[in-house]
Amino acid sequence: MDEERDEGERHKIGDPHWTEEQIKRRRQRNLAIAWALAGFIVLFFVVTIVKLGGNLANRPI
């Protein structure tokens, strides 16, 4: 029983201590990922509209 507790204590990770520079770079990286994702979504939307073309308004209901 004591061995299990010691094993858990040994692998415990403490709280990270971020510097202002690390926080700034992480925020910039997150914004870049968000813009890339938004661009990818817009690309899919545009390709879908282009492929449907004029058939979008003439489809049966």
PDB file of N, CA and C in Angstrom:
ATOM      1  N   MET A   1       0.828  -1.187   0.000  1.00  0.00           N
ATOM      2  CA  MET A   1       0.000   0.000   0.000  1.00  0.00           C
ATOM      3  C   MET A   1       0.875   1.254   0.000  1.00  0.00           C
ATOM      4  N   ASP A   2       1.908   1.279   0.819  1.00  0.00           N
ATOM      5  CA  ASP A   2       2.803   2.431   0.860  1.00  0.00           C
ATOM      6  C   ASP A   2       3.562   2.590  -0.453  1.00  0.00           C
ATOM      7  N   GLU A   3       3.863   1.460  -1.103  1.00  0.00           N
ATOM      8  CA  GLU A   3       4.587   1.527  -2.371  1.00  0.00           C
ATOM      9  C   GLU A   3       3.746   2.223  -3.434  1.00  0.00           C
ATOM     10  N   GLU A   4       2.431   1.991  -3.443  1.00  0.00           N
ATOM     11  CA  GLU A   4       1.562   2.632  -4.424  1.00  0.00           C
ATOM     12  C   GLU A   4       1.528   4.147  -4.212  1.00  0.00           C
ATOM     13  N   ARG A   5       1.470   4.573  -2.976  1.00  0.00           N
ATOM     14  CA  ARG A   5       1.443   5.997  -2.684  1.00  0.00           C
ATOM     15  C   ARG A   5       2.769   6.645  -3.079  1.00  0.00           C
ATOM     16  N   ASP A   6       3.870   5.981  -2.785  1.00  0.00           N
ATOM     17  CA  ASP A   6       5.180   6.512  -3.146  1.00  0.00           C
ATOM     18  C   ASP A   6       5.315   6.638  -4.663  1.00  0.00           C
ATOM     19  N   GLU A   7       4.790   5.666  -5.394  1.00  0.00           N
ATOM     20  CA  GLU A   7       4.847   5.704  -6.856  1.00  0.00           C
ATOM     21  C   GLU A   7       4.063   6.904  -7.380  1.00  0.00           C
ATOM     22  N   GLY A   8       2.895   7.160  -6.814  1.00  0.00           N
ATOM     23  CA  GLY A   8       2.093   8.305  -7.225  1.00  0.00           C
ATOM     24  C   GLY A   8       2.763   9.626  -6.886  1.00  0.00           C
ATOM     25  N   GLU A   9       3.382   9.700  -5.746  1.00  0.00           N
ATOM     26  CA  GLU A   9       4.075  10.917  -5.333  1.00  0.00           C
ATOM     27  C   GLU A   9       5.257  11.205  -6.256  1.00  0.00           C
ATOM     28  N   ARG A  10       5.901  10.176  -6.710  1.00  0.00           N
ATOM     29  CA  ARG A  10       7.094  10.330  -7.527  1.00  0.00           C
ATOM     30  C   ARG A  10       6.758  10.918  -8.902  1.00  0.00           C
ATOM     31  N   HIS A  11       5.569  10.624  -9.427  1.00  0.00           N
ATOM     32  CA  HIS A  11       5.197  11.057 -10.765  1.00  0.00           C
ATOM     33  C   HIS A  11       4.296  12.292 -10.763  1.00  0.00           C
ATOM     34  N   LYS A  12       4.146  12.927  -9.634  1.00  0.00           N
ATOM     35  CA  LYS A  12       3.296  14.116  -9.547  1.00  0.00           C
ATOM     36  C   LYS A  12       3.991  15.283 -10.255  1.00  0.00           C
ATOM     37  N   ILE A  13       3.213  16.019 -11.053  1.00  0.00           N
ATOM     38  CA  ILE A  13       3.741  17.166 -11.779  1.00  0.00           C
ATOM     39  C   ILE A  13       3.178  18.422 -11.132  1.00  0.00           C
ATOM     40  N   GLY A  14       4.038  19.362 -10.858  1.00  0.00           N
ATOM     41  CA  GLY A  14       3.613  20.600 -10.221  1.00  0.00           C
ATOM     42  C   GLY A  14       2.971  21.558 -11.204  1.00  0.00           C
ATOM     43  N   ASP A  15       2.476  22.665 -10.683  1.00  0.00           N
ATOM     44  CA  ASP A  15       1.871  23.696 -11.518  1.00  0.00           C
ATOM     45  C   ASP A  15       2.948  24.359 -12.374  1.00  0.00           C
ATOM     46  N   PRO A  16       2.632  24.649 -13.637  1.00  0.00           N
ATOM     47  CA  PRO A  16       3.619  25.327 -14.483  1.00  0.00           C
ATOM     48  C   PRO A  16       3.760  26.795 -14.079  1.00  0.00           C
ATOM     49  N   HIS A  17       4.928  27.313 -14.229  1.00  0.00           N
ATOM     50  CA  HIS A  17       5.193  28.721 -13.939  1.00  0.00           C
ATOM     51  C   HIS A  17       5.532  29.380 -15.266  1.00  0.00           C
ATOM     52  N   TRP A  18       4.542  30.080 -15.855  1.00  0.00           N
ATOM     53  CA  TRP A  18       4.699  30.675 -17.174  1.00  0.00           C
ATOM     54  C   TRP A  18       5.266  32.084 -17.045  1.00  0.00           C
ATOM     55  N   THR A  19       6.203  32.403 -17.919  1.00  0.00           N
ATOM     56  CA  THR A  19       6.690  33.777 -17.987  1.00  0.00           C
ATOM     57  C   THR A  19       5.751  34.570 -18.890  1.00  0.00           C
ATOM     58  N   GLU A  20       5.861  35.878 -18.837  1.00  0.00           N
ATOM     59  CA  GLU A  20       5.022  36.725 -19.691  1.00  0.00           C
ATOM     60  C   GLU A  20       5.282  36.427 -21.163  1.00  0.00           C
ATOM     61  N   GLU A  21       6.530  36.179 -21.523  1.00  0.00           N
ATOM     62  CA  GLU A  21       6.878  35.864 -22.916  1.00  0.00           C
ATOM     63  C   GLU A  21       6.226  34.558 -23.359  1.00  0.00           C
ATOM     64  N   GLN A  22       6.224  33.547 -22.500  1.00  0.00           N
ATOM     65  CA  GLN A  22       5.594  32.265 -22.843  1.00  0.00           C
ATOM     66  C   GLN A  22       4.086  32.425 -23.011  1.00  0.00           C
ATOM     67  N   ILE A  23       3.464  33.211 -22.155  1.00  0.00           N
ATOM     68  CA  ILE A  23       2.019  33.444 -22.259  1.00  0.00           C
ATOM     69  C   ILE A  23       1.704  34.171 -23.566  1.00  0.00           C
ATOM     70  N   LYS A  24       2.510  35.170 -23.909  1.00  0.00           N
ATOM     71  CA  LYS A  24       2.305  35.930 -25.139  1.00  0.00           C
ATOM     72  C   LYS A  24       2.460  35.025 -26.362  1.00  0.00           C
ATOM     73  N   ARG A  25       3.493  34.185 -26.380  1.00  0.00           N
ATOM     74  CA  ARG A  25       3.718  33.299 -27.522  1.00  0.00           C
ATOM     75  C   ARG A  25       2.631  32.242 -27.632  1.00  0.00           C
ATOM     76  N   ARG A  26       2.158  31.744 -26.490  1.00  0.00           N
ATOM     77  CA  ARG A  26       1.080  30.749 -26.516  1.00  0.00           C
ATOM     78  C   ARG A  26      -0.197  31.374 -27.065  1.00  0.00           C
ATOM     79  N   ARG A  27      -0.490  32.605 -26.676  1.00  0.00           N
ATOM     80  CA  ARG A  27      -1.671  33.300 -27.195  1.00  0.00           C
ATOM     81  C   ARG A  27      -1.553  33.519 -28.703  1.00  0.00           C
ATOM     82  N   GLN A  28      -0.384  33.920 -29.172  1.00  0.00           N
ATOM     83  CA  GLN A  28      -0.177  34.114 -30.610  1.00  0.00           C
ATOM     84  C   GLN A  28      -0.349  32.800 -31.369  1.00  0.00           C
ATOM     85  N   ARG A  29       0.165  31.735 -30.816  1.00  0.00           N
ATOM     86  CA  ARG A  29       0.036  30.416 -31.450  1.00  0.00           C
ATOM     87  C   ARG A  29      -1.427  29.991 -31.493  1.00  0.00           C
ATOM     88  N   ASN A  30      -2.157  30.217 -30.424  1.00  0.00           N
ATOM     89  CA  ASN A  30      -3.582  29.869 -30.394  1.00  0.00           C
ATOM     90  C   ASN A  30      -4.375  30.685 -31.405  1.00  0.00           C
ATOM     91  N   LEU A  31      -4.051  31.962 -31.544  1.00  0.00           N
ATOM     92  CA  LEU A  31      -4.732  32.797 -32.536  1.00  0.00           C
ATOM     93  C   LEU A  31      -4.423  32.326 -33.956  1.00  0.00           C
ATOM     94  N   ALA A  32      -3.183  31.927 -34.206  1.00  0.00           N
ATOM     95  CA  ALA A  32      -2.821  31.424 -35.534  1.00  0.00           C
ATOM     96  C   ALA A  32      -3.592  30.146 -35.850  1.00  0.00           C
ATOM     97  N   ILE A  33      -3.728  29.274 -34.880  1.00  0.00           N
ATOM     98  CA  ILE A  33      -4.490  28.035 -35.075  1.00  0.00           C
ATOM     99  C   ILE A  33      -5.964  28.360 -35.315  1.00  0.00           C
ATOM    100  N   ALA A  34      -6.509  29.312 -34.573  1.00  0.00           N
ATOM    101  CA  ALA A  34      -7.914  29.696 -34.745  1.00  0.00           C
ATOM    102  C   ALA A  34      -8.150  30.271 -36.135  1.00  0.00           C
ATOM    103  N   TRP A  35      -7.255  31.138 -36.618  1.00  0.00           N
ATOM    104  CA  TRP A  35      -7.407  31.711 -37.958  1.00  0.00           C
ATOM    105  C   TRP A  35      -7.284  30.634 -39.029  1.00  0.00           C
ATOM    106  N   ALA A  36      -6.363  29.697 -38.847  1.00  0.00           N
ATOM    107  CA  ALA A  36      -6.216  28.613 -39.822  1.00  0.00           C
ATOM    108  C   ALA A  36      -7.480  27.757 -39.863  1.00  0.00           C
ATOM    109  N   LEU A  37      -8.050  27.461 -38.711  1.00  0.00           N
ATOM    110  CA  LEU A  37      -9.279  26.673 -38.652  1.00  0.00           C
ATOM    111  C   LEU A  37     -10.438  27.421 -39.305  1.00  0.00           C
ATOM    112  N   ALA A  38     -10.556  28.709 -39.022  1.00  0.00           N
ATOM    113  CA  ALA A  38     -11.616  29.514 -39.634  1.00  0.00           C
ATOM    114  C   ALA A  38     -11.452  29.557 -41.151  1.00  0.00           C
ATOM    115  N   GLY A  39     -10.224  29.698 -41.624  1.00  0.00           N
ATOM    116  CA  GLY A  39      -9.969  29.698 -43.059  1.00  0.00           C
ATOM    117  C   GLY A  39     -10.335  28.379 -43.701  1.00  0.00           C
ATOM    118  N   PHE A  40     -10.045  27.296 -43.020  1.00  0.00           N
ATOM    119  CA  PHE A  40     -10.374  25.960 -43.521  1.00  0.00           C
ATOM    120  C   PHE A  40     -11.891  25.789 -43.629  1.00  0.00           C
ATOM    121  N   ILE A  41     -12.617  26.275 -42.647  1.00  0.00           N
ATOM    122  CA  ILE A  41     -14.084  26.186 -42.664  1.00  0.00           C
ATOM    123  C   ILE A  41     -14.650  27.012 -43.816  1.00  0.00           C
ATOM    124  N   VAL A  42     -14.133  28.224 -43.992  1.00  0.00           N
ATOM    125  CA  VAL A  42     -14.591  29.075 -45.096  1.00  0.00           C
ATOM    126  C   VAL A  42     -14.277  28.414 -46.433  1.00  0.00           C
ATOM    127  N   LEU A  43     -13.104  27.806 -46.546  1.00  0.00           N
ATOM    128  CA  LEU A  43     -12.734  27.113 -47.782  1.00  0.00           C
ATOM    129  C   LEU A  43     -13.729  26.005 -48.107  1.00  0.00           C
ATOM    130  N   PHE A  44     -14.095  25.200 -47.124  1.00  0.00           N
ATOM    131  CA  PHE A  44     -15.082  24.141 -47.341  1.00  0.00           C
ATOM    132  C   PHE A  44     -16.429  24.722 -47.763  1.00  0.00           C
ATOM    133  N   PHE A  45     -16.838  25.813 -47.138  1.00  0.00           N
ATOM    134  CA  PHE A  45     -18.112  26.446 -47.477  1.00  0.00           C
ATOM    135  C   PHE A  45     -18.100  26.936 -48.922  1.00  0.00           C
ATOM    136  N   VAL A  46     -17.030  27.625 -49.311  1.00  0.00           N
ATOM    137  CA  VAL A  46     -16.926  28.162 -50.667  1.00  0.00           C
ATOM    138  C   VAL A  46     -16.898  27.036 -51.690  1.00  0.00           C
ATOM    139  N   VAL A  47     -16.125  25.995 -51.437  1.00  0.00           N
ATOM    140  CA  VAL A  47     -16.062  24.868 -52.374  1.00  0.00           C
ATOM    141  C   VAL A  47     -17.431  24.221 -52.504  1.00  0.00           C
ATOM    142  N   THR A  48     -18.153  24.083 -51.420  1.00  0.00           N
ATOM    143  CA  THR A  48     -19.495  23.489 -51.465  1.00  0.00           C
ATOM    144  C   THR A  48     -20.436  24.339 -52.311  1.00  0.00           C
ATOM    145  N   ILE A  49     -20.419  25.645 -52.105  1.00  0.00           N
ATOM    146  CA  ILE A  49     -21.287  26.543 -52.877  1.00  0.00           C
ATOM    147  C   ILE A  49     -20.910  26.505 -54.358  1.00  0.00           C
ATOM    148  N   VAL A  50     -19.632  26.499 -54.675  1.00  0.00           N
ATOM    149  CA  VAL A  50     -19.187  26.470 -56.071  1.00  0.00           C
ATOM    150  C   VAL A  50     -19.592  25.160 -56.733  1.00  0.00           C
ATOM    151  N   LYS A  51     -19.438  24.054 -56.027  1.00  0.00           N
ATOM    152  CA  LYS A  51     -19.794  22.756 -56.612  1.00  0.00           C
ATOM    153  C   LYS A  51     -21.300  22.636 -56.835  1.00  0.00           C
ATOM    154  N   LEU A  52     -22.101  23.198 -55.941  1.00  0.00           N
ATOM    155  CA  LEU A  52     -23.547  23.169 -56.129  1.00  0.00           C
ATOM    156  C   LEU A  52     -23.963  24.120 -57.247  1.00  0.00           C
ATOM    157  N   GLY A  53     -23.261  25.236 -57.364  1.00  0.00           N
ATOM    158  CA  GLY A  53     -23.497  26.188 -58.443  1.00  0.00           C
ATOM    159  C   GLY A  53     -24.929  26.664 -58.514  1.00  0.00           C
ATOM    160  N   GLY A  54     -25.477  26.701 -59.733  1.00  0.00           N
ATOM    161  CA  GLY A  54     -26.831  27.181 -59.946  1.00  0.00           C
ATOM    162  C   GLY A  54     -27.886  26.200 -59.496  1.00  0.00           C
ATOM    163  N   ASN A  55     -27.532  24.973 -59.227  1.00  0.00           N
ATOM    164  CA  ASN A  55     -28.509  23.970 -58.809  1.00  0.00           C
ATOM    165  C   ASN A  55     -29.052  24.221 -57.408  1.00  0.00           C
ATOM    166  N   LEU A  56     -28.428  25.090 -56.678  1.00  0.00           N
ATOM    167  CA  LEU A  56     -28.856  25.351 -55.304  1.00  0.00           C
ATOM    168  C   LEU A  56     -30.268  25.935 -55.265  1.00  0.00           C
ATOM    169  N   ALA A  57     -30.593  26.850 -56.188  1.00  0.00           N
ATOM    170  CA  ALA A  57     -31.912  27.489 -56.192  1.00  0.00           C
ATOM    171  C   ALA A  57     -32.955  26.635 -56.908  1.00  0.00           C
ATOM    172  N   ASN A  58     -32.546  25.721 -57.777  1.00  0.00           N
ATOM    173  CA  ASN A  58     -33.481  24.953 -58.601  1.00  0.00           C
ATOM    174  C   ASN A  58     -33.768  23.554 -58.067  1.00  0.00           C
ATOM    175  N   ARG A  59     -33.352  23.263 -56.890  1.00  0.00           N
ATOM    176  CA  ARG A  59     -33.557  21.908 -56.365  1.00  0.00           C
ATOM    177  C   ARG A  59     -35.014  21.702 -55.943  1.00  0.00           C
ATOM    178  N   PRO A  60     -35.502  20.470 -56.017  1.00  0.00           N
ATOM    179  CA  PRO A  60     -36.879  20.204 -55.581  1.00  0.00           C
ATOM    180  C   PRO A  60     -36.996  20.276 -54.061  1.00  0.00           C
ATOM    181  N   ILE A  61     -38.150  20.688 -53.599  1.00  0.00           N
ATOM    182  CA  ILE A  61     -38.365  20.825 -52.152  1.00  0.00           C
ATOM    183  C   ILE A  61     -39.018  19.586 -51.602  1.00  0.00           C
TER     184      ILE A  61
END
